[in-house]
Protein backbone atom coordinates (compact mmCIF):
# COMPACT_ATOMS: atom_id res chain seq x y z
CA UNK A 1 -29.95 -29.44 -45.96
CA UNK A 2 -32.80 -26.86 -46.97
CA UNK A 3 -33.44 -25.57 -50.40
CA UNK A 4 -34.75 -22.09 -50.87
CA UNK A 5 -38.31 -21.64 -52.19
CA UNK A 6 -38.75 -18.79 -54.52
CA UNK A 7 -42.46 -19.31 -55.15
CA UNK A 8 -43.83 -20.79 -52.00
CA UNK A 9 -47.40 -19.73 -52.63
CA UNK A 10 -47.75 -21.33 -55.93
CA UNK A 11 -48.40 -17.90 -57.40
CA UNK A 12 -45.27 -15.44 -58.42
CA UNK A 13 -47.36 -12.36 -57.68
CA UNK A 14 -48.58 -13.22 -54.32
CA UNK A 15 -45.20 -14.92 -53.44
CA UNK A 16 -43.47 -11.34 -54.47
CA UNK A 17 -46.13 -9.54 -52.47
CA UNK A 18 -44.75 -11.88 -49.39
CA UNK A 19 -41.42 -11.14 -50.04
CA UNK A 20 -41.89 -7.34 -50.29
CA UNK A 21 -43.66 -7.26 -46.76
CA UNK A 22 -40.61 -6.84 -44.26
CA UNK A 23 -38.68 -4.26 -46.49
CA UNK A 24 -42.12 -2.29 -46.93
CA UNK A 25 -42.71 -2.54 -43.34
CA UNK A 26 -39.34 -0.83 -42.56
CA UNK A 27 -39.37 1.77 -45.04
CA UNK A 28 -43.27 2.56 -44.23
CA UNK A 29 -42.22 2.70 -40.49
CA UNK A 30 -39.40 5.07 -41.07
CA UNK A 31 -41.16 7.18 -43.51
CA UNK A 32 -44.15 7.84 -41.20
CA UNK A 33 -41.84 9.58 -38.67
CA UNK A 34 -43.95 8.19 -35.91
CA UNK A 35 -41.75 5.20 -35.08
CA UNK A 36 -38.00 5.69 -34.08
CA UNK A 37 -35.81 4.01 -36.52
CA UNK A 38 -34.55 1.52 -34.15
CA UNK A 39 -37.89 0.42 -33.05
CA UNK A 40 -39.07 0.11 -36.81
CA UNK A 41 -36.12 -2.11 -37.61
CA UNK A 42 -36.90 -4.39 -35.01
CA UNK A 43 -40.54 -4.57 -35.68
CA UNK A 44 -39.58 -5.14 -39.46
CA UNK A 45 -37.05 -7.87 -38.17
CA UNK A 46 -39.78 -9.77 -36.46
CA UNK A 47 -42.10 -9.38 -39.48
CA UNK A 48 -39.15 -11.03 -41.66
CA UNK A 49 -39.09 -13.89 -39.39
CA UNK A 50 -42.54 -14.76 -39.18
CA UNK A 51 -42.45 -14.33 -43.34
CA UNK A 52 -39.30 -16.61 -43.67
CA UNK A 53 -40.60 -19.42 -41.29
CA UNK A 54 -44.55 -19.30 -42.04
CA UNK A 55 -44.43 -18.70 -45.77
CA UNK A 56 -40.80 -19.58 -47.07
CA UNK A 57 -40.78 -22.40 -44.97
CA UNK A 58 -37.45 -21.67 -43.47
CA UNK A 59 -36.73 -23.65 -40.32
CA UNK A 60 -37.42 -21.46 -37.35
CA UNK A 61 -33.78 -22.39 -35.87
CA UNK A 62 -32.26 -21.24 -39.09
CA UNK A 63 -34.34 -18.10 -39.27
CA UNK A 64 -33.19 -17.00 -35.73
CA UNK A 65 -29.49 -17.96 -36.31
CA UNK A 66 -29.33 -15.94 -39.64
CA UNK A 67 -30.78 -12.65 -37.75
CA UNK A 68 -28.36 -13.16 -35.05
CA UNK A 69 -25.41 -13.33 -37.58
CA UNK A 70 -26.90 -10.30 -39.28
CA UNK A 71 -27.08 -8.40 -35.88
CA UNK A 72 -23.13 -9.27 -35.57
CA UNK A 73 -22.37 -8.18 -39.17
CA UNK A 74 -24.17 -4.93 -38.59
CA UNK A 75 -21.93 -3.92 -36.02
CA UNK A 76 -18.75 -5.37 -37.46
CA UNK A 77 -17.91 -3.65 -39.90
CA UNK A 78 -20.54 -1.14 -40.42
CA UNK A 79 -21.31 0.05 -37.05
CA UNK A 80 -17.58 -0.03 -36.12
CA UNK A 81 -16.95 2.34 -39.10
CA UNK A 82 -19.67 4.85 -37.70
CA UNK A 83 -18.48 4.88 -34.22
CA UNK A 84 -14.86 5.48 -35.10
CA UNK A 85 -15.66 8.27 -37.66
CA UNK A 86 -17.71 10.02 -34.98
CA UNK A 87 -14.96 9.46 -32.40
CA UNK A 88 -12.29 11.36 -34.91
CA UNK A 89 -14.76 14.04 -35.47
CA UNK A 90 -15.39 14.84 -31.83
CA UNK A 91 -11.51 14.83 -31.38
CA UNK A 92 -11.18 17.23 -33.98
CA UNK A 93 -13.98 19.28 -32.31
CA UNK A 94 -12.43 19.07 -28.85
CA UNK A 95 -8.90 20.07 -29.98
CA UNK A 96 -10.07 23.03 -32.12
CA UNK A 97 -8.73 21.68 -35.48
CA UNK A 98 -12.31 21.39 -36.81
CA UNK A 99 -12.78 25.18 -36.53
CA UNK A 100 -9.45 25.67 -38.29
CA UNK A 101 -10.57 23.20 -41.05
CA UNK A 102 -13.73 25.54 -41.15
CA UNK A 103 -11.78 28.55 -41.78
CA UNK A 104 -9.48 26.57 -44.40
CA UNK A 105 -12.52 25.79 -46.39
CA UNK A 106 -13.97 29.16 -46.05
CA UNK A 107 -10.61 30.48 -47.35
CA UNK A 108 -11.46 28.41 -50.54
CA UNK A 109 -15.14 29.73 -50.59
CA UNK A 110 -17.61 30.85 -48.12
CA UNK A 111 -20.28 29.87 -50.92
CA UNK A 112 -22.45 26.95 -49.51
CA UNK A 113 -23.02 25.62 -53.29
CA UNK A 114 -19.38 25.07 -53.63
CA UNK A 115 -18.85 23.99 -50.29
CA UNK A 116 -21.03 20.97 -51.21
CA UNK A 117 -19.04 20.28 -54.49
CA UNK A 118 -15.89 20.21 -52.72
CA UNK A 119 -16.87 18.13 -49.53
CA UNK A 120 -20.10 16.07 -50.24
CA UNK A 121 -19.36 15.09 -53.72
CA UNK A 122 -15.24 15.26 -54.58
CA UNK A 123 -14.00 14.56 -50.86
CA UNK A 124 -16.88 12.10 -50.29
CA UNK A 125 -15.80 10.22 -53.58
CA UNK A 126 -12.19 9.80 -52.36
CA UNK A 127 -13.47 8.13 -48.96
CA UNK A 128 -15.83 6.00 -51.13
CA UNK A 129 -12.87 4.91 -53.17
CA UNK A 130 -10.51 4.34 -50.18
CA UNK A 131 -12.90 2.33 -48.06
CA UNK A 132 -16.72 2.50 -48.70
CA UNK A 133 -19.26 0.99 -46.81
CA UNK A 134 -20.75 4.04 -45.01
CA UNK A 135 -17.29 5.97 -44.33
CA UNK A 136 -17.74 8.66 -46.99
CA UNK A 137 -21.49 9.70 -45.60
CA UNK A 138 -20.31 9.55 -42.04
CA UNK A 139 -17.39 11.81 -42.79
CA UNK A 140 -18.99 14.34 -45.17
CA UNK A 141 -22.26 14.44 -42.90
CA UNK A 142 -20.14 15.32 -39.74
CA UNK A 143 -17.91 17.90 -41.72
CA UNK A 144 -21.07 19.57 -43.37
CA UNK A 145 -22.89 19.94 -39.92
CA UNK A 146 -19.52 21.29 -38.35
CA UNK A 147 -19.57 23.87 -41.01
CA UNK A 148 -23.08 24.92 -40.37
CA UNK A 149 -25.32 23.22 -42.82
CA UNK A 150 -28.73 22.50 -41.57
CA UNK A 151 -29.19 18.52 -40.32
CA UNK A 152 -31.34 17.90 -43.31
CA UNK A 153 -29.10 19.32 -45.82
CA UNK A 154 -25.98 17.76 -44.44
CA UNK A 155 -27.67 14.51 -44.18
CA UNK A 156 -29.87 14.31 -47.47
CA UNK A 157 -27.20 15.82 -49.80
CA UNK A 158 -24.13 13.62 -48.34
CA UNK A 159 -26.39 10.76 -49.48
CA UNK A 160 -27.45 11.99 -52.97
CA UNK A 161 -23.58 13.05 -53.70
CA UNK A 162 -22.63 9.45 -52.54
CA UNK A 163 -24.18 7.89 -55.60
CA UNK A 164 -21.70 8.00 -58.86
CA UNK A 165 -18.43 6.61 -57.14
CA UNK A 166 -20.15 3.88 -55.33
CA UNK A 167 -19.84 1.03 -57.91
CA UNK A 168 -15.89 1.32 -57.51
CA UNK A 169 -15.94 2.14 -53.91
CA UNK A 170 -13.34 0.52 -51.47
CA UNK A 171 -10.95 -0.06 -54.15
CA UNK A 172 -13.12 -1.73 -56.62
CA UNK A 173 -14.58 -4.04 -54.21
CA UNK A 174 -18.12 -4.17 -55.80
CA UNK A 175 -16.57 -4.93 -59.04
CA UNK A 176 -14.59 -7.78 -57.73
CA UNK A 177 -17.67 -9.16 -55.99
CA UNK A 178 -19.69 -9.04 -59.22
CA UNK A 179 -16.63 -10.85 -61.09
CA UNK A 180 -16.64 -13.53 -58.48
CA UNK A 181 -20.23 -14.51 -58.60
CA UNK A 182 -20.58 -14.11 -62.50
CA UNK A 183 -17.35 -15.71 -63.81
CA UNK A 184 -16.82 -12.33 -65.89
CA UNK A 185 -13.59 -10.72 -65.98
CA UNK A 186 -13.38 -7.80 -63.59
CA UNK A 187 -11.48 -5.54 -66.04
CA UNK A 188 -14.47 -5.89 -68.64
CA UNK A 189 -17.17 -5.34 -65.86
CA UNK A 190 -15.36 -2.39 -64.69
CA UNK A 191 -15.07 -0.99 -68.39
CA UNK A 192 -18.70 -1.22 -68.89
CA UNK A 193 -19.45 0.34 -65.65
CA UNK A 194 -17.40 3.14 -66.79
CA UNK A 195 -19.30 3.64 -69.85
CA UNK A 196 -22.35 4.22 -67.79
CA UNK A 197 -21.69 6.15 -64.71
CA UNK A 198 -19.52 9.03 -66.21
CA UNK A 199 -22.82 10.29 -67.52
CA UNK A 200 -24.22 10.36 -64.02
CA UNK A 201 -20.89 11.91 -62.65
CA UNK A 202 -21.89 14.83 -64.89
CA UNK A 203 -25.42 14.66 -63.87
CA UNK A 204 -25.06 14.34 -59.95
CA UNK A 205 -23.25 17.54 -59.03
CA UNK A 206 -25.74 19.55 -60.95
CA UNK A 207 -28.46 17.63 -59.14
CA UNK A 208 -26.86 18.03 -56.05
CA UNK A 209 -26.72 21.65 -56.17
CA UNK A 210 -30.22 21.98 -57.61
CA UNK A 211 -31.60 20.05 -54.52
CA UNK A 212 -29.93 22.32 -52.27
CA UNK A 213 -30.27 25.77 -53.94
CA UNK A 214 -33.17 25.41 -56.53
CA UNK A 215 -32.84 25.93 -60.54
CA UNK A 216 -31.58 29.41 -60.27
CA UNK A 217 -29.22 28.72 -57.55
CA UNK A 218 -27.75 25.98 -59.68
CA UNK A 219 -27.48 27.97 -62.93
CA UNK A 220 -25.44 30.60 -61.22
CA UNK A 221 -22.43 28.55 -60.46
CA UNK A 222 -22.65 26.06 -63.60
CA UNK A 223 -19.17 26.78 -64.56
CA UNK A 224 -18.08 25.35 -61.28
CA UNK A 225 -20.45 22.60 -61.48
CA UNK A 226 -19.23 21.61 -64.74
CA UNK A 227 -15.59 21.67 -63.85
CA UNK A 228 -16.32 19.36 -60.72
CA UNK A 229 -18.46 16.70 -62.90
CA UNK A 230 -16.00 16.67 -66.04
CA UNK A 231 -12.83 16.50 -64.08
CA UNK A 232 -14.51 13.60 -62.29
CA UNK A 233 -16.27 11.79 -65.05
CA UNK A 234 -13.57 11.79 -67.69
CA UNK A 235 -10.97 10.28 -65.50
CA UNK A 236 -13.68 7.80 -64.19
CA UNK A 237 -14.04 6.73 -67.83
CA UNK A 238 -10.19 6.59 -68.84
CA UNK A 239 -8.98 4.95 -65.54
CA UNK A 240 -12.12 2.26 -65.61
CA UNK A 241 -11.37 1.32 -69.22
CA UNK A 242 -7.77 1.79 -69.79
CA UNK A 243 -5.89 1.15 -66.43
CA UNK A 244 -8.08 -0.98 -63.66
CA UNK A 245 -11.29 -0.44 -61.73
CA UNK A 246 -9.48 -0.54 -58.45
CA UNK A 247 -8.00 3.09 -58.43
CA UNK A 248 -10.78 4.80 -60.48
CA UNK A 249 -12.48 6.85 -57.35
CA UNK A 250 -9.20 7.60 -55.61
CA UNK A 251 -8.02 9.02 -59.18
CA UNK A 252 -11.00 10.76 -60.14
CA UNK A 253 -11.90 12.40 -56.80
CA UNK A 254 -8.31 13.90 -56.51
CA UNK A 255 -8.36 15.26 -59.98
CA UNK A 256 -11.85 16.68 -59.41
CA UNK A 257 -10.72 18.33 -55.98
CA UNK A 258 -7.68 19.71 -57.37
CA UNK A 259 -9.39 21.18 -60.51
CA UNK A 260 -12.14 22.69 -58.80
CA UNK A 261 -9.65 24.34 -56.24
CA UNK A 262 -7.66 25.89 -58.97
CA UNK A 263 -10.59 26.76 -60.93
CA UNK A 264 -11.93 28.87 -57.67
CA UNK A 265 -8.88 30.85 -57.46
CA UNK A 266 -9.95 32.25 -61.01
CA UNK A 267 -13.47 32.47 -60.85
CA UNK A 268 -16.21 33.13 -58.05
CA UNK A 269 -20.10 33.52 -58.40
CA UNK A 270 -21.33 36.94 -58.66
CA UNK A 271 -23.48 36.47 -55.39
CA UNK A 272 -22.52 34.33 -52.49
CA UNK A 273 -24.95 31.77 -51.50
CA UNK A 274 -24.38 31.72 -47.44
CA UNK A 275 -27.72 29.99 -46.35
CA UNK A 276 -26.86 26.80 -44.68
CA UNK A 277 -30.43 25.28 -45.06
CA UNK A 278 -32.24 23.66 -48.08
CA UNK A 279 -34.13 26.06 -50.29
CA UNK A 280 -37.27 23.99 -50.20
CA UNK A 281 -38.82 23.62 -46.89
CA UNK A 282 -36.27 22.57 -44.38
CA UNK A 283 -37.89 21.25 -41.16
CA UNK A 284 -34.33 20.84 -39.89
CA UNK A 285 -33.51 24.40 -39.83
CA UNK A 286 -35.34 25.56 -36.87
CA UNK A 287 -33.38 22.98 -34.74
CA UNK A 288 -30.11 24.70 -35.62
CA UNK A 289 -28.32 26.96 -32.88
CA UNK A 290 -27.63 30.37 -34.38
CA UNK A 291 -24.62 30.28 -36.66
CA UNK A 292 -21.66 32.31 -35.29
CA UNK A 293 -20.01 34.20 -38.38
CA UNK A 294 -17.27 31.89 -39.73
CA UNK A 295 -13.81 33.63 -39.45
CA UNK A 296 -12.35 33.88 -42.82
CA UNK A 297 -9.05 35.03 -41.66
CA UNK A 298 -6.39 33.73 -43.75
CA UNK A 299 -4.80 30.85 -41.96
CA UNK A 300 -0.81 30.67 -41.47
CA UNK A 301 0.95 27.75 -43.29
CA UNK A 302 1.18 26.00 -39.50
CA UNK A 303 -2.65 26.50 -38.75
CA UNK A 304 -3.56 25.00 -42.49
CA UNK A 305 -1.60 21.82 -41.74
CA UNK A 306 -2.72 21.74 -38.31
CA UNK A 307 -6.35 21.89 -39.62
CA UNK A 308 -5.67 19.13 -42.40
CA UNK A 309 -3.49 16.92 -40.30
CA UNK A 310 -6.24 14.48 -38.99
CA UNK A 311 -7.93 13.94 -42.56
CA UNK A 312 -4.20 13.50 -44.07
CA UNK A 313 -3.72 10.76 -41.39
CA UNK A 314 -7.20 9.41 -42.39
CA UNK A 315 -6.69 9.35 -45.84
CA UNK A 316 -2.72 7.70 -45.51
CA UNK A 317 -4.27 5.08 -43.33
CA UNK A 318 -7.50 4.22 -45.46
CA UNK A 319 -5.54 3.67 -48.54
CA UNK A 320 -3.13 1.39 -46.77
CA UNK A 321 -6.18 -0.33 -45.19
CA UNK A 322 -7.76 -0.64 -48.68
CA UNK A 323 -4.83 -2.36 -50.49
CA UNK A 324 -4.87 -6.23 -51.10
CA UNK A 325 -1.39 -6.60 -49.72
CA UNK A 326 -2.56 -5.31 -46.33
CA UNK A 327 -5.74 -6.96 -46.36
CA UNK A 328 -4.12 -10.33 -47.33
CA UNK A 329 -1.45 -9.95 -44.55
CA UNK A 330 -3.89 -8.86 -41.90
CA UNK A 331 -6.65 -11.57 -42.40
CA UNK A 332 -3.91 -14.22 -42.46
CA UNK A 333 -2.60 -13.15 -39.13
CA UNK A 334 -5.14 -11.53 -37.39
CA UNK A 335 -8.61 -12.80 -37.98
CA UNK A 336 -11.15 -15.44 -36.70
CA UNK A 337 -13.70 -17.45 -38.81
CA UNK A 338 -16.67 -18.56 -37.33
CA UNK A 339 -19.12 -21.03 -38.93
CA UNK A 340 -22.48 -20.62 -37.49
CA UNK A 341 -23.58 -24.12 -36.59
CA UNK A 342 -26.62 -25.49 -38.13
CA UNK A 343 -26.57 -22.75 -40.81
CA UNK A 344 -23.49 -22.68 -42.47
CA UNK A 345 -23.52 -24.53 -45.77
CA UNK A 346 -27.04 -25.85 -44.80
CA UNK A 347 -29.03 -23.71 -47.22
CA UNK A 348 -29.02 -24.38 -51.01
CA UNK A 349 -29.59 -21.59 -53.63
CA UNK A 350 -31.11 -23.52 -56.34
CA UNK A 351 -31.98 -22.58 -60.24
CA UNK A 352 -32.97 -19.98 -61.54
CA UNK A 353 -31.02 -18.01 -59.16
CA UNK A 354 -28.05 -20.22 -59.12
CA UNK A 355 -26.94 -22.39 -62.09
CA UNK A 356 -26.93 -25.37 -59.98
CA UNK A 357 -27.78 -26.25 -56.25
CA UNK A 358 -25.15 -24.19 -54.28
CA UNK A 359 -24.63 -23.99 -50.43
CA UNK A 360 -24.91 -20.62 -48.76
CA UNK A 361 -22.07 -19.80 -46.51
CA UNK A 362 -22.99 -18.49 -42.92
CA UNK A 363 -19.64 -17.16 -41.86
CA UNK A 364 -18.52 -14.37 -39.54
CA UNK A 365 -15.19 -13.43 -40.73
CA UNK A 366 -13.80 -11.39 -37.80
CA UNK A 367 -11.07 -9.81 -39.56
CA UNK A 368 -10.60 -7.55 -36.90
CA UNK A 369 -7.42 -5.48 -38.01
CA UNK A 370 -8.42 -5.06 -41.50
CA UNK A 371 -11.74 -3.71 -40.96
CA UNK A 372 -12.22 -0.25 -42.18
CA UNK A 373 -13.33 0.74 -38.80
CA UNK A 374 -10.10 -0.27 -37.18
CA UNK A 375 -8.23 1.61 -39.65
CA UNK A 376 -10.26 4.90 -38.63
CA UNK A 377 -9.85 4.09 -34.92
CA UNK A 378 -5.97 3.87 -35.45
CA UNK A 379 -6.13 7.01 -37.56
CA UNK A 380 -8.19 9.07 -34.65
CA UNK A 381 -5.66 7.57 -32.10
CA UNK A 382 -2.69 8.75 -34.02
CA UNK A 383 -4.36 12.22 -34.60
CA UNK A 384 -5.26 12.60 -31.04
CA UNK A 385 -2.06 11.98 -29.74
CA UNK A 386 -0.43 14.28 -32.14
CA UNK A 387 -2.88 16.94 -31.30
CA UNK A 388 -2.33 16.70 -27.77
CA UNK A 389 -4.92 14.41 -26.40
CA UNK A 390 -3.96 12.41 -23.56
CA UNK A 391 -4.66 8.64 -23.57
CA UNK A 392 -6.92 9.09 -20.40
CA UNK A 393 -8.91 12.04 -22.19
CA UNK A 394 -8.99 9.95 -25.44
CA UNK A 395 -10.62 6.95 -23.51
CA UNK A 396 -13.31 9.21 -22.05
CA UNK A 397 -14.03 10.83 -25.39
CA UNK A 398 -14.48 7.31 -26.62
CA UNK A 399 -16.94 6.32 -23.83
CA UNK A 400 -18.84 9.46 -24.46
CA UNK A 401 -18.77 8.49 -28.24
CA UNK A 402 -20.28 4.83 -27.47
CA UNK A 403 -22.92 6.60 -25.69
CA UNK A 404 -23.92 8.92 -28.38
CA UNK A 405 -24.10 6.27 -31.02
CA UNK A 406 -25.76 3.54 -29.01
CA UNK A 407 -29.21 3.68 -30.50
CA UNK A 408 -27.71 3.98 -33.83
CA UNK A 409 -25.64 1.03 -33.60
CA UNK A 410 -28.48 -0.96 -32.40
CA UNK A 411 -30.69 0.36 -35.42
CA UNK A 412 -27.65 -0.46 -37.85
CA UNK A 413 -27.59 -4.18 -36.24
CA UNK A 414 -31.36 -4.71 -36.70
CA UNK A 415 -31.38 -3.50 -40.17
CA UNK A 416 -28.25 -6.01 -41.41
CA UNK A 417 -30.28 -8.70 -39.64
CA UNK A 418 -33.17 -8.16 -41.72
CA UNK A 419 -30.86 -8.28 -44.96
CA UNK A 420 -28.96 -11.18 -43.68
CA UNK A 421 -32.13 -13.20 -43.23
CA UNK A 422 -33.80 -12.05 -46.38
CA UNK A 423 -30.62 -13.31 -48.27
CA UNK A 424 -30.16 -16.65 -46.63
CA UNK A 425 -33.99 -17.48 -46.92
CA UNK A 426 -34.26 -16.39 -50.60
CA UNK A 427 -36.62 -13.67 -49.98
CA UNK A 428 -34.81 -11.29 -52.03
CA UNK A 429 -34.30 -13.71 -54.57
CA UNK A 430 -38.10 -13.81 -55.07
CA UNK A 431 -38.04 -9.84 -55.47
CA UNK A 432 -35.32 -10.47 -58.04
CA UNK A 433 -37.12 -12.94 -60.26
CA UNK A 434 -40.05 -10.59 -60.28
CA UNK A 435 -37.91 -8.11 -62.10
CA UNK A 436 -36.22 -10.79 -64.23
CA UNK A 437 -39.61 -11.82 -66.00
CA UNK A 438 -40.19 -8.52 -67.43
CA UNK A 439 -38.92 -9.87 -70.93
CA UNK A 440 -38.14 -7.05 -73.43
CA UNK A 441 -38.19 -4.21 -70.78
CA UNK A 442 -35.46 -6.40 -68.77
CA UNK A 443 -32.83 -4.03 -69.33
CA UNK A 444 -34.63 -1.25 -67.52
CA UNK A 445 -36.00 -3.22 -64.70
CA UNK A 446 -32.96 -5.30 -64.33
CA UNK A 447 -31.08 -2.23 -63.59
CA UNK A 448 -33.75 -1.39 -60.98
CA UNK A 449 -32.96 -4.80 -59.55
CA UNK A 450 -29.63 -3.53 -58.68
CA UNK A 451 -31.28 -0.51 -57.05
CA UNK A 452 -33.52 -2.91 -54.94
CA UNK A 453 -30.59 -4.74 -54.10
CA UNK A 454 -28.64 -1.91 -52.58
CA UNK A 455 -31.68 -0.57 -50.80
CA UNK A 456 -32.21 -4.18 -49.50
CA UNK A 457 -28.84 -4.67 -48.36
CA UNK A 458 -27.23 -1.36 -47.77
CA UNK A 459 -24.21 -2.21 -50.28
CA UNK A 460 -23.51 -2.46 -53.89
CA UNK A 461 -20.95 -5.29 -53.16
CA UNK A 462 -23.58 -7.25 -51.54
CA UNK A 463 -26.20 -6.36 -54.36
CA UNK A 464 -23.76 -7.68 -56.92
CA UNK A 465 -23.13 -10.90 -55.01
CA UNK A 466 -26.87 -11.27 -54.33
CA UNK A 467 -28.10 -10.62 -57.82
CA UNK A 468 -25.11 -10.74 -60.17
CA UNK A 469 -25.30 -14.46 -61.36
CA UNK A 470 -29.38 -13.99 -61.74
CA UNK A 471 -28.46 -10.84 -64.16
CA UNK A 472 -26.10 -13.03 -66.21
CA UNK A 473 -28.36 -16.01 -66.36
CA UNK A 474 -31.44 -13.93 -67.33
CA UNK A 475 -29.51 -11.73 -69.88
CA UNK A 476 -28.06 -15.07 -71.83
CA UNK A 477 -31.88 -16.42 -71.63
CA UNK A 478 -33.05 -13.28 -73.49
CA UNK A 479 -30.02 -12.69 -75.83
CA UNK A 480 -28.39 -9.71 -74.12
CA UNK A 481 -25.05 -9.27 -73.11
CA UNK A 482 -24.35 -10.82 -69.59
CA UNK A 483 -21.60 -8.02 -69.26
CA UNK A 484 -23.92 -5.10 -70.00
CA UNK A 485 -26.54 -6.52 -67.40
CA UNK A 486 -24.03 -7.63 -64.86
CA UNK A 487 -22.73 -3.83 -64.94
CA UNK A 488 -26.22 -2.39 -65.09
CA UNK A 489 -26.64 -4.32 -61.69
CA UNK A 490 -23.80 -2.29 -60.07
CA UNK A 491 -24.55 0.75 -61.81
CA UNK A 492 -28.18 0.82 -60.99
CA UNK A 493 -27.47 -0.10 -57.39
CA UNK A 494 -25.55 3.13 -56.88
CA UNK A 495 -28.83 4.87 -56.84
CA UNK A 496 -30.06 2.72 -53.94
CA UNK A 497 -27.30 3.76 -51.88
CA UNK A 498 -29.15 6.76 -50.70
CA UNK A 499 -32.21 5.07 -49.52
CA UNK A 500 -31.20 2.02 -47.79
CA UNK A 501 -32.05 2.22 -44.28
CA UNK A 502 -28.41 1.73 -42.90
CA UNK A 503 -26.89 4.52 -44.70
CA UNK A 504 -29.67 6.88 -43.54
CA UNK A 505 -29.09 5.94 -39.84
CA UNK A 506 -25.44 6.62 -40.59
CA UNK A 507 -25.99 10.01 -42.01
CA UNK A 508 -28.45 10.82 -38.96
CA UNK A 509 -25.74 9.79 -36.58
CA UNK A 510 -23.17 11.77 -38.39
CA UNK A 511 -25.38 15.04 -38.24
CA UNK A 512 -26.68 14.25 -34.62
CA UNK A 513 -30.25 14.44 -35.98
CA UNK A 514 -31.39 11.07 -34.19
CA UNK A 515 -34.91 10.20 -34.68
CA UNK A 516 -35.33 11.90 -37.88
CA UNK A 517 -34.44 9.12 -40.18
CA UNK A 518 -37.96 9.08 -41.53
CA UNK A 519 -37.62 12.81 -42.83
CA UNK A 520 -34.38 12.22 -44.50
CA UNK A 521 -35.78 9.07 -46.15
CA UNK A 522 -38.96 11.41 -47.45
CA UNK A 523 -36.34 13.66 -48.72
CA UNK A 524 -34.13 11.41 -50.73
CA UNK A 525 -36.35 8.87 -51.88
CA UNK A 526 -37.85 10.68 -55.15
CA UNK A 527 -34.26 11.67 -56.03
CA UNK A 528 -33.20 7.93 -55.62
CA UNK A 529 -35.91 6.37 -57.81
CA UNK A 530 -35.73 9.21 -60.37
CA UNK A 531 -31.88 8.70 -60.90
CA UNK A 532 -32.34 5.09 -61.00
CA UNK A 533 -34.67 4.89 -63.68
CA UNK A 534 -32.36 7.45 -65.71
CA UNK A 535 -29.65 4.76 -65.23
CA UNK A 536 -32.32 2.23 -66.54
CA UNK A 537 -33.16 4.16 -69.66
CA UNK A 538 -29.44 4.55 -70.38
CA UNK A 539 -28.84 0.53 -70.10
CA UNK A 540 -31.75 0.09 -72.31
CA UNK A 541 -30.43 2.47 -74.98
CA UNK A 542 -27.00 0.72 -74.55
CA UNK A 543 -28.96 -2.92 -74.95
CA UNK A 544 -31.02 -1.81 -78.07
CA UNK A 545 -29.99 1.60 -79.63
CA UNK A 546 -26.16 2.08 -79.33
CA UNK A 547 -24.44 -1.61 -78.90
CA UNK A 548 -21.27 0.19 -79.93
CA UNK A 549 -21.06 0.84 -76.40
CA UNK A 550 -20.83 -2.93 -75.71
CA UNK A 551 -17.45 -3.17 -77.60
CA UNK A 552 -14.52 -4.04 -75.42
CA UNK A 553 -11.97 -1.42 -75.54
CA UNK A 554 -8.55 -3.01 -76.35
């Protein structure tokens, strides 16, 4: 057995700096724009191994095994989702269905701002609720680039939009993960998150359009933005507090989409915004091919259903794949568990991160049927067959998709290797303890701890599992509500989703803008920081000024 060491240098500040070196190396290399993302990830992984072995005293064999486990996890399930989303997208393009979808959306509105509300925010929230784990960014990024948005706009705005729904993603998986490590009631945790995020469900649509079109461009369509935000935020609050935390995103996104589409039947902006590029400097605009004028001829009913067919199939399959009943059946009959030798249960998480020495599992759950990516592949195959794609043609297209995504898959795997290694070595816990030492300011910095967790791991679920118990323990020591701070970990974490390296690579892959991950990171970084700080301010107000928000609604 090996016990994690959270202060290996005997000085909290120096140990924290050492723990930050791998992630800082990764972000700096990517943001520089001079190092390709896959090389940056590989270099950062080497640095992480050096730090964990030499400074944190993790046995070299364990460090290497943890890295290899992360590489495999990077492909299954994350890379598996990206690969099959892009496969579905390419099929719709090849069969002409995507062009029909463009015309269908153009029939609702040709205004780019309104298209962002409909696709990036509302449609993306549905896929976050149904499957999560990179699916919404992959789908909305591909759709926006197909609609003619610039690569930076499609990538960056998909990431910004995919924030408010994240805490309830994949049918409430982050909330369930948080409950499992804290011992708190998932319904109570979900309700508390539902008293934090609705404020940002109102803010994010305004923020999204401001980031794209500037202040004046945003104000010109404020009624539509307000309808979108209110029709998402109110159901998000009601469902999370009075029903359950599992169907929050599904219900809120469908209501939001429906309300926006109905509103646009009676209201349209005075001037249409037709530019597909960011109003601010958009370096990607020069890489775009001249856009063909969008055919806005009204589709027949047959054409409309033909355009929507692949996405209807995806929605149905994702809803089935997200249910506990299906996952339970599939995992009982179609799964293989691999316990990593000399790593599984050989590492102890120790106080104050855990209440008592707790062995860390090092398992690769190859639940191949219940993987979201498998559902996406099945949806793509069904769609392809119904659209007239022969099996041979489909195999050929899949081969081209693998070639297209190869570098991105390597990048994602290397990044997940860093996340897995830092988790098993206790490096990320060292960073977490630095936030936990902020005393009266802990409600603010504890929220940023959730943001850091998602930035490191790429997942709100992983961040909740990683830091949830630390939040509970620290809150109890400081006399704060453990429910509030555990929920804050999840709510703050959603704003880290847009800067985690894994999501950025998914976005660059979906928009076919490889090698520009640094540009995407630089674009979204400030948005992420500011929004995370606003969540921290709200949680601080809940802790000290408005404690009535802590009341559990019956």
